[in-house]
Amino acid sequence: MSIKPKKVFPVTQLSDVTQCSKYIGKAKTIQEMDQAIAHGIEQLWNQ
């Protein structure tokens, strides 16, 4: 008996998924990202 994995997703290239990240601006620092995540969690928690 031979078991083959099922292909769930088609093969993609990096260029296929980077088109949605056309952010133009200064790169965010880790601290800025952590603050944004904490703010988002706080907003969700207080709904």
N, C-alpha and C. Protein backbone atom coordinates (compact mmCIF):
# COMPACT_ATOMS: atom_id res chain seq x y z
N MET A 1 0.84 -1.16 0.00
CA MET A 1 0.00 0.00 0.00
C MET A 1 0.90 1.24 0.00
N SER A 2 0.55 2.20 -0.80
CA SER A 2 1.32 3.43 -0.91
C SER A 2 0.44 4.62 -0.53
N ILE A 3 0.95 5.46 0.35
CA ILE A 3 0.20 6.64 0.77
C ILE A 3 0.91 7.87 0.24
N LYS A 4 0.16 8.70 -0.46
CA LYS A 4 0.71 9.94 -1.01
C LYS A 4 0.02 11.13 -0.34
N PRO A 5 0.78 12.16 -0.02
CA PRO A 5 0.15 13.33 0.59
C PRO A 5 -0.76 14.05 -0.39
N LYS A 6 -1.84 14.58 0.12
CA LYS A 6 -2.76 15.34 -0.70
C LYS A 6 -2.24 16.76 -0.85
N LYS A 7 -2.23 17.27 -2.07
CA LYS A 7 -1.80 18.64 -2.30
C LYS A 7 -2.97 19.56 -1.99
N VAL A 8 -2.81 20.34 -0.94
CA VAL A 8 -3.89 21.22 -0.50
C VAL A 8 -3.88 22.55 -1.24
N PHE A 9 -2.70 23.11 -1.44
CA PHE A 9 -2.58 24.42 -2.07
C PHE A 9 -1.72 24.31 -3.33
N PRO A 10 -2.03 25.11 -4.34
CA PRO A 10 -1.17 25.11 -5.52
C PRO A 10 0.18 25.74 -5.17
N VAL A 11 1.18 25.40 -5.93
CA VAL A 11 2.52 25.95 -5.72
C VAL A 11 2.48 27.45 -5.99
N THR A 12 3.08 28.23 -5.11
CA THR A 12 3.12 29.68 -5.29
C THR A 12 4.56 30.16 -5.27
N GLN A 13 4.76 31.30 -5.83
CA GLN A 13 6.06 31.96 -5.84
C GLN A 13 5.98 33.16 -4.89
N LEU A 14 7.12 33.59 -4.38
CA LEU A 14 7.16 34.73 -3.48
C LEU A 14 6.53 35.95 -4.14
N SER A 15 6.77 36.13 -5.42
CA SER A 15 6.22 37.29 -6.13
C SER A 15 4.69 37.26 -6.18
N ASP A 16 4.09 36.08 -6.04
CA ASP A 16 2.63 35.96 -6.03
C ASP A 16 2.02 36.57 -4.77
N VAL A 17 2.73 36.53 -3.67
CA VAL A 17 2.17 36.99 -2.40
C VAL A 17 2.73 38.33 -1.94
N THR A 18 3.79 38.82 -2.52
CA THR A 18 4.36 40.09 -2.07
C THR A 18 3.65 41.29 -2.67
N GLN A 19 2.80 41.09 -3.63
CA GLN A 19 2.09 42.20 -4.25
C GLN A 19 1.14 42.89 -3.28
N CYS A 20 0.69 42.18 -2.26
CA CYS A 20 -0.25 42.77 -1.31
C CYS A 20 0.45 43.57 -0.23
N SER A 21 1.75 43.61 -0.22
CA SER A 21 2.49 44.31 0.84
C SER A 21 3.25 45.51 0.30
N LYS A 22 2.55 46.34 -0.43
CA LYS A 22 3.20 47.51 -1.03
C LYS A 22 3.22 48.68 -0.05
N TYR A 23 3.76 48.44 1.14
CA TYR A 23 3.87 49.49 2.15
C TYR A 23 4.99 50.42 1.76
N ILE A 24 4.68 51.70 1.75
CA ILE A 24 5.69 52.70 1.46
C ILE A 24 5.84 53.56 2.71
N GLY A 25 7.01 53.59 3.24
CA GLY A 25 7.25 54.39 4.44
C GLY A 25 8.39 53.81 5.24
N LYS A 26 8.67 54.47 6.35
CA LYS A 26 9.75 54.04 7.23
C LYS A 26 9.39 52.69 7.85
N ALA A 27 10.37 51.82 7.96
CA ALA A 27 10.13 50.51 8.57
C ALA A 27 9.78 50.68 10.04
N LYS A 28 8.83 49.88 10.51
CA LYS A 28 8.42 49.92 11.91
C LYS A 28 9.43 49.18 12.77
N THR A 29 9.64 49.68 13.98
CA THR A 29 10.54 49.00 14.91
C THR A 29 9.77 47.89 15.61
N ILE A 30 10.48 46.99 16.24
CA ILE A 30 9.84 45.92 17.01
C ILE A 30 8.97 46.53 18.11
N GLN A 31 9.45 47.58 18.75
CA GLN A 31 8.68 48.24 19.81
C GLN A 31 7.37 48.81 19.25
N GLU A 32 7.43 49.44 18.08
CA GLU A 32 6.22 49.99 17.46
C GLU A 32 5.23 48.87 17.12
N MET A 33 5.75 47.75 16.62
CA MET A 33 4.87 46.62 16.29
C MET A 33 4.25 46.04 17.55
N ASP A 34 5.04 45.89 18.61
CA ASP A 34 4.52 45.38 19.88
C ASP A 34 3.43 46.29 20.43
N GLN A 35 3.64 47.61 20.35
CA GLN A 35 2.64 48.56 20.83
C GLN A 35 1.35 48.46 20.01
N ALA A 36 1.48 48.31 18.70
CA ALA A 36 0.30 48.19 17.85
C ALA A 36 -0.47 46.91 18.16
N ILE A 37 0.23 45.82 18.39
CA ILE A 37 -0.43 44.56 18.74
C ILE A 37 -1.14 44.69 20.07
N ALA A 38 -0.47 45.28 21.06
CA ALA A 38 -1.08 45.47 22.38
C ALA A 38 -2.32 46.35 22.27
N HIS A 39 -2.25 47.39 21.46
CA HIS A 39 -3.40 48.28 21.26
C HIS A 39 -4.56 47.53 20.62
N GLY A 40 -4.27 46.72 19.62
CA GLY A 40 -5.31 45.93 18.95
C GLY A 40 -5.97 44.94 19.90
N ILE A 41 -5.17 44.29 20.73
CA ILE A 41 -5.71 43.33 21.70
C ILE A 41 -6.59 44.06 22.70
N GLU A 42 -6.13 45.23 23.15
CA GLU A 42 -6.92 46.01 24.11
C GLU A 42 -8.26 46.41 23.51
N GLN A 43 -8.26 46.81 22.24
CA GLN A 43 -9.51 47.19 21.57
C GLN A 43 -10.45 45.99 21.48
N LEU A 44 -9.93 44.83 21.11
CA LEU A 44 -10.76 43.63 21.02
C LEU A 44 -11.30 43.22 22.38
N TRP A 45 -10.48 43.34 23.40
CA TRP A 45 -10.87 42.93 24.75
C TRP A 45 -11.99 43.81 25.30
N ASN A 46 -11.96 45.10 24.95
CA ASN A 46 -12.92 46.06 25.50
C ASN A 46 -14.17 46.23 24.65
N GLN A 47 -14.43 45.37 23.72
CA GLN A 47 -15.62 45.49 22.88
C GLN A 47 -16.85 45.12 23.64
